C-alpha atoms as a PDB file:
ATOM      1  CA  MET A   1      22.815 -19.842  25.861  1.00  0.00           C
ATOM      2  CA  SER A   2      25.918 -17.816  26.308  1.00  0.00           C
ATOM      3  CA  ALA A   3      25.551 -14.649  28.270  1.00  0.00           C
ATOM      4  CA  ASN A   4      28.321 -12.851  26.567  1.00  0.00           C
ATOM      5  CA  ALA A   5      26.704 -11.491  23.457  1.00  0.00           C
ATOM      6  CA  ASP A   6      24.534  -8.419  24.238  1.00  0.00           C
ATOM      7  CA  SER A   7      21.273  -8.360  22.116  1.00  0.00           C
ATOM      8  CA  LEU A   8      20.297  -4.911  23.439  1.00  0.00           C
ATOM      9  CA  LYS A   9      23.303  -3.237  22.114  1.00  0.00           C
ATOM     10  CA  SER A  10      22.784  -4.799  18.706  1.00  0.00           C
ATOM     11  CA  ILE A  11      18.986  -3.676  18.778  1.00  0.00           C
ATOM     12  CA  LEU A  12      19.909  -0.138  19.638  1.00  0.00           C
ATOM     13  CA  PHE A  13      22.593   0.015  16.833  1.00  0.00           C
ATOM     14  CA  ALA A  14      20.127  -1.211  14.322  1.00  0.00           C
ATOM     15  CA  LEU A  15      17.200   1.052  15.611  1.00  0.00           C
ATOM     16  CA  GLY A  16      19.336   4.219  15.196  1.00  0.00           C
ATOM     17  CA  ALA A  17      20.799   3.193  11.760  1.00  0.00           C
ATOM     18  CA  ASN A  18      17.393   2.261  10.390  1.00  0.00           C
ATOM     19  CA  PHE A  19      15.612   5.424  11.635  1.00  0.00           C
ATOM     20  CA  ALA A  20      18.236   7.634   9.926  1.00  0.00           C
ATOM     21  CA  ILE A  21      18.094   5.538   6.755  1.00  0.00           C
ATOM     22  CA  ALA A  22      14.243   5.574   6.670  1.00  0.00           C
ATOM     23  CA  VAL A  23      14.107   9.330   6.747  1.00  0.00           C
ATOM     24  CA  SER A  24      16.772   9.777   4.013  1.00  0.00           C
ATOM     25  CA  LYS A  25      14.999   7.182   1.781  1.00  0.00           C
ATOM     26  CA  THR A  26      11.589   8.811   2.263  1.00  0.00           C
ATOM     27  CA  ALA A  27      12.916  12.137   1.066  1.00  0.00           C
ATOM     28  CA  GLY A  28      14.731  10.369  -1.758  1.00  0.00           C
ATOM     29  CA  ALA A  29      11.686   8.479  -2.886  1.00  0.00           C
ATOM     30  CA  ALA A  30       9.492  11.650  -2.857  1.00  0.00           C
ATOM     31  CA  PHE A  31      12.260  13.543  -4.740  1.00  0.00           C
ATOM     32  CA  THR A  32      13.093  10.985  -7.337  1.00  0.00           C
ATOM     33  CA  GLY A  33      10.033   8.864  -7.768  1.00  0.00           C
ATOM     34  CA  SER A  34      12.062   5.648  -7.513  1.00  0.00           C
ATOM     35  CA  SER A  35      10.169   2.447  -6.807  1.00  0.00           C
ATOM     36  CA  SER A  36      13.337   0.846  -5.494  1.00  0.00           C
ATOM     37  CA  MET A  37      13.724   3.707  -3.111  1.00  0.00           C
ATOM     38  CA  LEU A  38      10.170   3.598  -1.852  1.00  0.00           C
ATOM     39  CA  ALA A  39      10.447  -0.080  -1.350  1.00  0.00           C
ATOM     40  CA  GLU A  40      13.593   0.412   0.747  1.00  0.00           C
ATOM     41  CA  ALA A  41      12.008   3.261   2.760  1.00  0.00           C
ATOM     42  CA  ILE A  42       9.008   1.104   3.623  1.00  0.00           C
ATOM     43  CA  HIS A  43      11.530  -1.631   4.630  1.00  0.00           C
ATOM     44  CA  SER A  44      13.365   0.691   6.823  1.00  0.00           C
ATOM     45  CA  TYR A  45      10.342   1.922   8.648  1.00  0.00           C
ATOM     46  CA  ALA A  46       9.189  -1.608   9.084  1.00  0.00           C
ATOM     47  CA  ASP A  47      12.627  -2.465  10.553  1.00  0.00           C
ATOM     48  CA  CYS A  48      12.251   0.416  13.084  1.00  0.00           C
ATOM     49  CA  GLY A  49       8.998  -1.070  14.158  1.00  0.00           C
ATOM     50  CA  ASN A  50      10.551  -4.499  14.385  1.00  0.00           C
ATOM     51  CA  GLN A  51      13.227  -3.265  16.620  1.00  0.00           C
ATOM     52  CA  ALA A  52      10.644  -1.660  18.933  1.00  0.00           C
ATOM     53  CA  LEU A  53       8.841  -5.025  19.182  1.00  0.00           C
ATOM     54  CA  LEU A  54      12.102  -6.823  19.963  1.00  0.00           C
ATOM     55  CA  LEU A  55      12.753  -4.351  22.749  1.00  0.00           C
ATOM     56  CA  TRP A  56       9.230  -4.868  24.094  1.00  0.00           C
ATOM     57  CA  GLY A  57       9.742  -8.666  23.938  1.00  0.00           C
ATOM     58  CA  MET A  58      12.915  -8.442  25.992  1.00  0.00           C
ATOM     59  CA  LYS A  59      11.148  -6.437  28.616  1.00  0.00           C
ATOM     60  CA  GLU A  60       8.198  -8.758  28.801  1.00  0.00           C
ATOM     61  CA  ALA A  61      10.580 -11.856  29.084  1.00  0.00           C
ATOM     62  CA  LYS A  62      11.975 -10.323  32.255  1.00  0.00           C
ATOM     63  CA  MET A  63       8.674 -10.397  34.049  1.00  0.00           C
ATOM     64  CA  PRO A  64       8.743 -12.648  37.208  1.00  0.00           C
ATOM     65  CA  PRO A  65       7.005 -15.988  37.352  1.00  0.00           C
ATOM     66  CA  THR A  66       3.376 -16.079  38.247  1.00  0.00           C
ATOM     67  CA  PRO A  67       0.941 -18.878  39.255  1.00  0.00           C
ATOM     68  CA  ASP A  68      -0.180 -18.973  35.560  1.00  0.00           C
ATOM     69  CA  HIS A  69       3.340 -18.926  34.281  1.00  0.00           C
ATOM     70  CA  PRO A  70       5.427 -20.692  36.969  1.00  0.00           C
ATOM     71  CA  LEU A  71       8.526 -20.914  34.561  1.00  0.00           C
ATOM     72  CA  GLY A  72       8.298 -17.141  33.850  1.00  0.00           C
ATOM     73  CA  HIS A  73       7.843 -15.298  30.687  1.00  0.00           C
ATOM     74  CA  GLY A  74      11.100 -15.917  28.838  1.00  0.00           C
ATOM     75  CA  LYS A  75       9.433 -17.232  25.721  1.00  0.00           C
ATOM     76  CA  ALA A  76       7.726 -13.928  25.102  1.00  0.00           C
ATOM     77  CA  SER A  77      11.008 -12.867  23.418  1.00  0.00           C
ATOM     78  CA  TYR A  78      10.532 -15.723  20.937  1.00  0.00           C
ATOM     79  CA  PHE A  79       6.882 -14.720  20.198  1.00  0.00           C
ATOM     80  CA  TRP A  80       7.791 -11.106  19.364  1.00  0.00           C
ATOM     81  CA  SER A  81      10.717 -12.317  17.258  1.00  0.00           C
ATOM     82  CA  PHE A  82       8.380 -14.418  15.299  1.00  0.00           C
ATOM     83  CA  ILE A  83       6.031 -11.642  14.745  1.00  0.00           C
ATOM     84  CA  VAL A  84       9.043  -9.487  13.515  1.00  0.00           C
ATOM     85  CA  ALA A  85       9.794 -12.291  10.938  1.00  0.00           C
ATOM     86  CA  LEU A  86       6.135 -12.131   9.722  1.00  0.00           C
ATOM     87  CA  MET A  87       6.448  -8.372   9.409  1.00  0.00           C
ATOM     88  CA  LEU A  88       9.582  -8.695   7.514  1.00  0.00           C
ATOM     89  CA  PHE A  89       7.891 -11.158   5.178  1.00  0.00           C
ATOM     90  CA  SER A  90       4.740  -9.138   4.682  1.00  0.00           C
ATOM     91  CA  MET A  91       5.386  -5.377   5.076  1.00  0.00           C
ATOM     92  CA  GLY A  92       8.966  -5.657   3.692  1.00  0.00           C
ATOM     93  CA  GLY A  93       9.040  -8.484   1.229  1.00  0.00           C
ATOM     94  CA  LEU A  94       5.549  -8.734  -0.231  1.00  0.00           C
ATOM     95  CA  PHE A  95       5.115  -4.879  -0.379  1.00  0.00           C
ATOM     96  CA  SER A  96       8.411  -4.502  -2.293  1.00  0.00           C
ATOM     97  CA  ILE A  97       7.375  -7.219  -4.822  1.00  0.00           C
ATOM     98  CA  TYR A  98       3.819  -5.554  -5.277  1.00  0.00           C
ATOM     99  CA  GLU A  99       5.448  -2.121  -5.822  1.00  0.00           C
ATOM    100  CA  GLY A 100       7.858  -3.448  -8.407  1.00  0.00           C
ATOM    101  CA  VAL A 101       5.127  -5.376 -10.275  1.00  0.00           C
ATOM    102  CA  HIS A 102       2.911  -2.335 -10.066  1.00  0.00           C
ATOM    103  CA  LYS A 103       5.537  -0.202 -11.854  1.00  0.00           C
ATOM    104  CA  LEU A 104       7.060  -2.794 -14.010  1.00  0.00           C
ATOM    105  CA  HIS A 105       5.772  -1.321 -17.203  1.00  0.00           C
ATOM    106  CA  SER A 106       6.067   2.401 -16.247  1.00  0.00           C
ATOM    107  CA  THR A 107       7.662   4.571 -18.845  1.00  0.00           C
ATOM    108  CA  GLU A 108       8.191   7.604 -16.538  1.00  0.00           C
ATOM    109  CA  PRO A 109      11.905   8.171 -15.994  1.00  0.00           C
ATOM    110  CA  LEU A 110      13.493   8.588 -12.676  1.00  0.00           C
ATOM    111  CA  GLN A 111      13.913  12.133 -11.391  1.00  0.00           C
ATOM    112  CA  TYR A 112      17.212  13.268  -9.892  1.00  0.00           C
ATOM    113  CA  ALA A 113      18.453   9.624  -9.903  1.00  0.00           C
ATOM    114  CA  TRP A 114      21.859  10.589  -8.628  1.00  0.00           C
ATOM    115  CA  VAL A 115      20.216  11.913  -5.460  1.00  0.00           C
ATOM    116  CA  ALA A 116      18.795   8.372  -5.012  1.00  0.00           C
ATOM    117  CA  VAL A 117      22.236   6.891  -5.526  1.00  0.00           C
ATOM    118  CA  GLY A 118      23.770   9.219  -2.883  1.00  0.00           C
ATOM    119  CA  ILE A 119      21.042   8.337  -0.386  1.00  0.00           C
ATOM    120  CA  LEU A 120      21.472   4.635  -1.026  1.00  0.00           C
ATOM    121  CA  ALA A 121      25.205   4.877  -0.619  1.00  0.00           C
ATOM    122  CA  PHE A 122      24.671   6.534   2.741  1.00  0.00           C
ATOM    123  CA  GLY A 123      22.178   3.782   3.681  1.00  0.00           C
ATOM    124  CA  VAL A 124      24.822   1.125   2.798  1.00  0.00           C
ATOM    125  CA  MET A 125      27.328   2.831   5.192  1.00  0.00           C
ATOM    126  CA  ALA A 126      24.771   3.083   7.965  1.00  0.00           C
ATOM    127  CA  GLU A 127      23.567  -0.482   7.576  1.00  0.00           C
ATOM    128  CA  GLY A 128      27.287  -1.540   7.565  1.00  0.00           C
ATOM    129  CA  VAL A 129      27.702   0.151  11.040  1.00  0.00           C
ATOM    130  CA  SER A 130      24.568  -1.652  12.352  1.00  0.00           C
ATOM    131  CA  LEU A 131      25.743  -4.985  10.925  1.00  0.00           C
ATOM    132  CA  TRP A 132      29.251  -4.430  12.455  1.00  0.00           C
ATOM    133  CA  GLY A 133      27.636  -3.771  15.844  1.00  0.00           C
ATOM    134  CA  ALA A 134      25.695  -7.089  15.643  1.00  0.00           C
ATOM    135  CA  LEU A 135      28.637  -9.120  14.421  1.00  0.00           C
ATOM    136  CA  ARG A 136      30.787  -7.648  17.192  1.00  0.00           C
ATOM    137  CA  GLU A 137      28.383  -9.164  19.723  1.00  0.00           C
ATOM    138  CA  ILE A 138      28.251 -12.486  17.826  1.00  0.00           C
ATOM    139  CA  ARG A 139      31.981 -12.917  17.835  1.00  0.00           C
ATOM    140  CA  LYS A 140      31.821 -13.116  21.597  1.00  0.00           C
ATOM    141  CA  ASP A 141      29.936 -16.495  21.170  1.00  0.00           C
ATOM    142  CA  LEU A 142      31.118 -17.590  17.716  1.00  0.00           C
ATOM    143  CA  GLY A 143      34.102 -19.602  18.760  1.00  0.00           C
ATOM    144  CA  ASN A 144      34.994 -21.989  15.869  1.00  0.00           C
ATOM    145  CA  LYS A 145      31.534 -21.841  14.250  1.00  0.00           C
ATOM    146  CA  SER A 146      30.758 -20.111  10.949  1.00  0.00           C
ATOM    147  CA  LEU A 147      28.149 -17.350  10.979  1.00  0.00           C
ATOM    148  CA  TRP A 148      25.653 -19.894   9.363  1.00  0.00           C
ATOM    149  CA  GLN A 149      26.301 -22.481  12.104  1.00  0.00           C
ATOM    150  CA  TRP A 150      25.824 -19.854  14.739  1.00  0.00           C
ATOM    151  CA  PHE A 151      22.608 -18.785  12.973  1.00  0.00           C
ATOM    152  CA  ARG A 152      21.349 -22.428  13.111  1.00  0.00           C
ATOM    153  CA  SER A 153      22.330 -23.082  16.828  1.00  0.00           C
ATOM    154  CA  THR A 154      21.920 -19.835  18.617  1.00  0.00           C
ATOM    155  CA  ARG A 155      19.097 -19.490  21.228  1.00  0.00           C
ATOM    156  CA  GLN A 156      19.240 -15.517  21.184  1.00  0.00           C
ATOM    157  CA  SER A 157      16.224 -14.947  19.067  1.00  0.00           C
ATOM    158  CA  GLU A 158      16.640 -11.161  19.108  1.00  0.00           C
ATOM    159  CA  LEU A 159      20.220 -11.238  17.939  1.00  0.00           C
ATOM    160  CA  LEU A 160      19.253 -13.711  15.310  1.00  0.00           C
ATOM    161  CA  VAL A 161      16.508 -11.504  14.035  1.00  0.00           C
ATOM    162  CA  ILE A 162      18.804  -8.359  14.016  1.00  0.00           C
ATOM    163  CA  VAL A 163      21.464 -10.155  12.011  1.00  0.00           C
ATOM    164  CA  GLY A 164      18.850 -11.283   9.469  1.00  0.00           C
ATOM    165  CA  GLU A 165      17.393  -7.892   9.185  1.00  0.00           C
ATOM    166  CA  ASP A 166      20.770  -6.223   8.784  1.00  0.00           C
ATOM    167  CA  LEU A 167      21.920  -8.764   6.165  1.00  0.00           C
ATOM    168  CA  ALA A 168      18.616  -8.252   4.264  1.00  0.00           C
ATOM    169  CA  ALA A 169      18.783  -4.536   4.459  1.00  0.00           C
ATOM    170  CA  LEU A 170      22.396  -4.443   3.290  1.00  0.00           C
ATOM    171  CA  GLY A 171      21.573  -6.751   0.506  1.00  0.00           C
ATOM    172  CA  GLY A 172      18.475  -4.747  -0.363  1.00  0.00           C
ATOM    173  CA  LEU A 173      20.342  -1.500  -0.493  1.00  0.00           C
ATOM    174  CA  THR A 174      23.042  -3.078  -2.760  1.00  0.00           C
ATOM    175  CA  LEU A 175      20.303  -4.293  -5.097  1.00  0.00           C
ATOM    176  CA  ALA A 176      18.523  -0.955  -5.124  1.00  0.00           C
ATOM    177  CA  LEU A 177      21.768   0.842  -5.806  1.00  0.00           C
ATOM    178  CA  ALA A 178      22.722  -1.587  -8.620  1.00  0.00           C
ATOM    179  CA  PHE A 179      19.355  -1.460 -10.370  1.00  0.00           C
ATOM    180  CA  ILE A 180      19.109   2.291 -10.185  1.00  0.00           C
ATOM    181  CA  LEU A 181      22.564   2.589 -11.777  1.00  0.00           C
ATOM    182  CA  LEU A 182      21.486   0.225 -14.402  1.00  0.00           C
ATOM    183  CA  SER A 183      18.306   2.291 -14.945  1.00  0.00           C
ATOM    184  CA  ILE A 184      20.485   5.415 -15.430  1.00  0.00           C
ATOM    185  CA  ALA A 185      22.966   3.673 -17.715  1.00  0.00           C
ATOM    186  CA  THR A 186      20.195   2.190 -20.069  1.00  0.00           C
ATOM    187  CA  GLY A 187      17.697   5.036 -19.739  1.00  0.00           C
ATOM    188  CA  ASN A 188      15.068   2.311 -19.065  1.00  0.00           C
ATOM    189  CA  PRO A 189      12.994   2.776 -15.783  1.00  0.00           C
ATOM    190  CA  MET A 190      11.933  -0.838 -15.936  1.00  0.00           C
ATOM    191  CA  TRP A 191      15.217  -1.795 -14.145  1.00  0.00           C
ATOM    192  CA  ASP A 192      14.151   0.160 -11.110  1.00  0.00           C
ATOM    193  CA  ALA A 193      11.018  -1.747 -10.790  1.00  0.00           C
ATOM    194  CA  VAL A 194      12.926  -5.064 -11.289  1.00  0.00           C
ATOM    195  CA  GLY A 195      15.168  -3.926  -8.416  1.00  0.00           C
ATOM    196  CA  SER A 196      12.089  -3.598  -6.170  1.00  0.00           C
ATOM    197  CA  ILE A 197      11.009  -7.060  -7.055  1.00  0.00           C
ATOM    198  CA  ALA A 198      14.471  -8.426  -6.348  1.00  0.00           C
ATOM    199  CA  ILE A 199      14.577  -6.637  -2.937  1.00  0.00           C
ATOM    200  CA  GLY A 200      11.205  -8.217  -2.045  1.00  0.00           C
ATOM    201  CA  ILE A 201      12.353 -11.664  -2.985  1.00  0.00           C
ATOM    202  CA  LEU A 202      15.425 -11.259  -0.835  1.00  0.00           C
ATOM    203  CA  LEU A 203      13.364 -10.049   2.089  1.00  0.00           C
ATOM    204  CA  VAL A 204      11.006 -12.960   1.789  1.00  0.00           C
ATOM    205  CA  LEU A 205      13.815 -15.543   1.771  1.00  0.00           C
ATOM    206  CA  VAL A 206      15.520 -14.015   4.806  1.00  0.00           C
ATOM    207  CA  ALA A 207      12.042 -13.815   6.594  1.00  0.00           C
ATOM    208  CA  ILE A 208      11.395 -17.463   5.987  1.00  0.00           C
ATOM    209  CA  ALA A 209      14.958 -18.403   7.320  1.00  0.00           C
ATOM    210  CA  VAL A 210      14.542 -16.281  10.461  1.00  0.00           C
ATOM    211  CA  GLY A 211      11.016 -17.578  10.991  1.00  0.00           C
ATOM    212  CA  VAL A 212      12.006 -21.204  10.719  1.00  0.00           C
ATOM    213  CA  GLU A 213      14.732 -20.637  13.436  1.00  0.00           C
ATOM    214  CA  VAL A 214      12.526 -18.674  15.669  1.00  0.00           C
ATOM    215  CA  LYS A 215       9.647 -21.183  15.367  1.00  0.00           C
ATOM    216  CA  ALA A 216      11.874 -23.974  16.696  1.00  0.00           C
ATOM    217  CA  LEU A 217      12.621 -21.810  19.792  1.00  0.00           C
ATOM    218  CA  LEU A 218       8.845 -20.958  20.257  1.00  0.00           C
ATOM    219  CA  VAL A 219       7.920 -24.695  20.076  1.00  0.00           C
ATOM    220  CA  GLY A 220      10.688 -25.578  22.524  1.00  0.00           C
ATOM    221  CA  GLN A 221      14.329 -26.208  22.058  1.00  0.00           C
ATOM    222  CA  SER A 222      17.091 -27.454  24.368  1.00  0.00           C
ATOM    223  CA  ALA A 223      20.130 -25.520  25.434  1.00  0.00           C
ATOM    224  CA  GLU A 224      22.817 -25.101  22.919  1.00  0.00           C
ATOM    225  CA  PRO A 225      24.707 -28.344  21.986  1.00  0.00           C
ATOM    226  CA  GLU A 226      27.969 -27.038  23.319  1.00  0.00           C
ATOM    227  CA  VAL A 227      26.176 -26.043  26.575  1.00  0.00           C
ATOM    228  CA  LEU A 228      24.692 -29.575  26.815  1.00  0.00           C
ATOM    229  CA  ALA A 229      28.009 -31.118  26.444  1.00  0.00           C
ATOM    230  CA  GLN A 230      29.500 -28.972  29.148  1.00  0.00           C
ATOM    231  CA  MET A 231      26.604 -29.698  31.578  1.00  0.00           C
ATOM    232  CA  ARG A 232      27.080 -33.472  31.008  1.00  0.00           C
ATOM    233  CA  SER A 233      30.791 -33.215  31.626  1.00  0.00           C
ATOM    234  CA  HIS A 234      30.242 -31.221  34.787  1.00  0.00           C
ATOM    235  CA  LEU A 235      27.662 -33.559  36.265  1.00  0.00           C
ATOM    236  CA  THR A 236      29.672 -36.755  35.512  1.00  0.00           C
ATOM    237  CA  SER A 237      32.655 -35.193  37.282  1.00  0.00           C
ATOM    238  CA  GLN A 238      30.945 -34.648  40.450  1.00  0.00           C
ATOM    239  CA  PRO A 239      31.902 -36.987  43.361  1.00  0.00           C
ATOM    240  CA  GLU A 240      28.392 -37.358  44.412  1.00  0.00           C
ATOM    241  CA  VAL A 241      27.079 -38.690  41.056  1.00  0.00           C
ATOM    242  CA  ALA A 242      27.728 -42.314  40.268  1.00  0.00           C
ATOM    243  CA  GLN A 243      26.079 -42.298  36.883  1.00  0.00           C
ATOM    244  CA  LEU A 244      24.161 -39.711  34.736  1.00  0.00           C
ATOM    245  CA  TYR A 245      21.175 -41.409  33.213  1.00  0.00           C
ATOM    246  CA  ASN A 246      19.357 -38.549  31.489  1.00  0.00           C
ATOM    247  CA  LEU A 247      19.650 -34.710  31.143  1.00  0.00           C
ATOM    248  CA  LEU A 248      16.886 -32.681  29.653  1.00  0.00           C
ATOM    249  CA  THR A 249      17.030 -28.941  29.147  1.00  0.00           C
ATOM    250  CA  GLN A 250      14.555 -26.343  27.855  1.00  0.00           C
ATOM    251  CA  GLN A 251      15.617 -22.879  26.756  1.00  0.00           C
ATOM    252  CA  LEU A 252      13.233 -20.297  28.047  1.00  0.00           C
ATOM    253  CA  GLY A 253      14.463 -16.876  26.647  1.00  0.00           C
ATOM    254  CA  GLY A 254      17.579 -15.998  28.711  1.00  0.00           C
ATOM    255  CA  ASP A 255      16.907 -18.724  31.367  1.00  0.00           C
ATOM    256  CA  ILE A 256      17.287 -22.562  31.128  1.00  0.00           C
ATOM    257  CA  MET A 257      15.269 -25.276  32.750  1.00  0.00           C
ATOM    258  CA  VAL A 258      17.113 -28.496  33.586  1.00  0.00           C
ATOM    259  CA  SER A 259      15.840 -31.979  34.593  1.00  0.00           C
ATOM    260  CA  ILE A 260      18.484 -34.358  35.762  1.00  0.00           C
ATOM    261  CA  LYS A 261      18.125 -38.182  36.337  1.00  0.00           C
ATOM    262  CA  ALA A 262      21.199 -39.644  37.978  1.00  0.00           C
ATOM    263  CA  GLY A 263      22.380 -42.453  40.125  1.00  0.00           C
ATOM    264  CA  MET A 264      23.969 -41.188  43.375  1.00  0.00           C
ATOM    265  CA  HIS A 265      26.695 -42.788  45.470  1.00  0.00           C
ATOM    266  CA  LEU A 266      25.382 -44.268  48.757  1.00  0.00           C
ATOM    267  CA  THR A 267      25.397 -41.858  51.717  1.00  0.00           C
ATOM    268  CA  GLY A 268      23.866 -44.117  54.333  1.00  0.00           C
ATOM    269  CA  SER A 269      20.867 -42.005  55.089  1.00  0.00           C
ATOM    270  CA  GLU A 270      18.048 -40.125  53.433  1.00  0.00           C
ATOM    271  CA  ALA A 271      19.430 -36.799  54.736  1.00  0.00           C
ATOM    272  CA  GLY A 272      22.747 -37.445  53.338  1.00  0.00           C
ATOM    273  CA  LEU A 273      21.247 -38.091  49.910  1.00  0.00           C
ATOM    274  CA  ILE A 274      19.284 -34.815  50.050  1.00  0.00           C
ATOM    275  CA  GLU A 275      22.424 -32.861  51.084  1.00  0.00           C
ATOM    276  CA  ALA A 276      24.465 -34.491  48.284  1.00  0.00           C
ATOM    277  CA  ILE A 277      21.763 -33.556  45.691  1.00  0.00           C
ATOM    278  CA  ASN A 278      21.569 -30.056  47.012  1.00  0.00           C
ATOM    279  CA  ARG A 279      25.428 -29.695  46.747  1.00  0.00           C
ATOM    280  CA  VAL A 280      25.286 -30.896  43.127  1.00  0.00           C
ATOM    281  CA  GLU A 281      22.506 -28.483  42.261  1.00  0.00           C
ATOM    282  CA  ARG A 282      24.306 -25.506  43.903  1.00  0.00           C
ATOM    283  CA  GLY A 283      27.554 -26.316  42.056  1.00  0.00           C
ATOM    284  CA  PHE A 284      25.543 -26.835  38.820  1.00  0.00           C
ATOM    285  CA  LYS A 285      23.867 -23.306  38.975  1.00  0.00           C
ATOM    286  CA  GLN A 286      27.259 -21.726  39.844  1.00  0.00           C
ATOM    287  CA  ALA A 287      28.825 -23.311  36.786  1.00  0.00           C
ATOM    288  CA  PHE A 288      25.775 -22.409  34.517  1.00  0.00           C
ATOM    289  CA  PRO A 289      24.419 -19.055  35.677  1.00  0.00           C
ATOM    290  CA  SER A 290      21.759 -19.082  33.035  1.00  0.00           C
ATOM    291  CA  VAL A 291      20.130 -22.192  34.721  1.00  0.00           C
ATOM    292  CA  ARG A 292      17.259 -20.893  36.632  1.00  0.00           C
ATOM    293  CA  TRP A 293      15.313 -24.149  37.480  1.00  0.00           C
ATOM    294  CA  VAL A 294      16.979 -27.549  38.341  1.00  0.00           C
ATOM    295  CA  PHE A 295      14.747 -30.721  38.872  1.00  0.00           C
ATOM    296  CA  PHE A 296      16.940 -33.543  40.134  1.00  0.00           C
ATOM    297  CA  GLU A 297      15.690 -37.150  40.249  1.00  0.00           C
ATOM    298  CA  PRO A 298      17.920 -39.753  41.926  1.00  0.00           C
ATOM    299  CA  ASP A 299      17.418 -43.271  40.573  1.00  0.00           C
ATOM    300  CA  LEU A 300      18.882 -46.666  40.179  1.00  0.00           C
ATOM    301  CA  GLU A 301      18.263 -46.846  36.446  1.00  0.00           C
ATOM    302  CA  ASP A 302      17.102 -44.773  33.442  1.00  0.00           C
END
């Protein structure tokens, strides 16, 4: 995992934006009676709670190793990211669908609909700032990959969740704005309820996509493919290494565990072999600072 992108900055950007948006949406929902606005307010409050959980997960992941957890607590960030995906699915998506279905046959017109339009327009701008903050961090690691390729390959669960939330929020706000305008234009409040259902479906789809990616990390994934290729290239270029037989990695939050099986050039003594392995390990950790544990097995074959 690259250490360039800063997940903490992205989370704080999102938390500030979502809190401001949630307050404005709550006032707008109470003032106008809009189902889409209420769905969006609940969504924003859920997002604030989600970001708090991500911050907690980052703190827990930094706890030192213990006898019960000798490889540290790095995967705690994956657990809390998965919980956030479940909350996005349930509190955001399913509630929005329920609220829309509940008011689908309502004949009560929206009150002060243009107030809702103004609040939603503010929300679009605020979420745009949050998404800009996340994308600014992602660009540090993006390279030649598309955003979708980054989404599928990144090992930074917190940043992955934030991007998913921001995209869902921006899409949800856009849908709410469109359907409220349609409701105003037609005079039919049904379109506001349809907007709530559409927002819910969008949130459910994003939550599933995020959940699938975080689940892979929680179960256990290697380092990113680009990092693996760099590791292999580094090891095969070392003068002490005759042949690299196997390289296994496991991403543990911000840390990586590495297991190496390699044939070593003859040194003439056991002490010489041990020193050669130590030199390779020291150089490997210097080249890849996110590697915390290295297990090196010298062998004659795979």
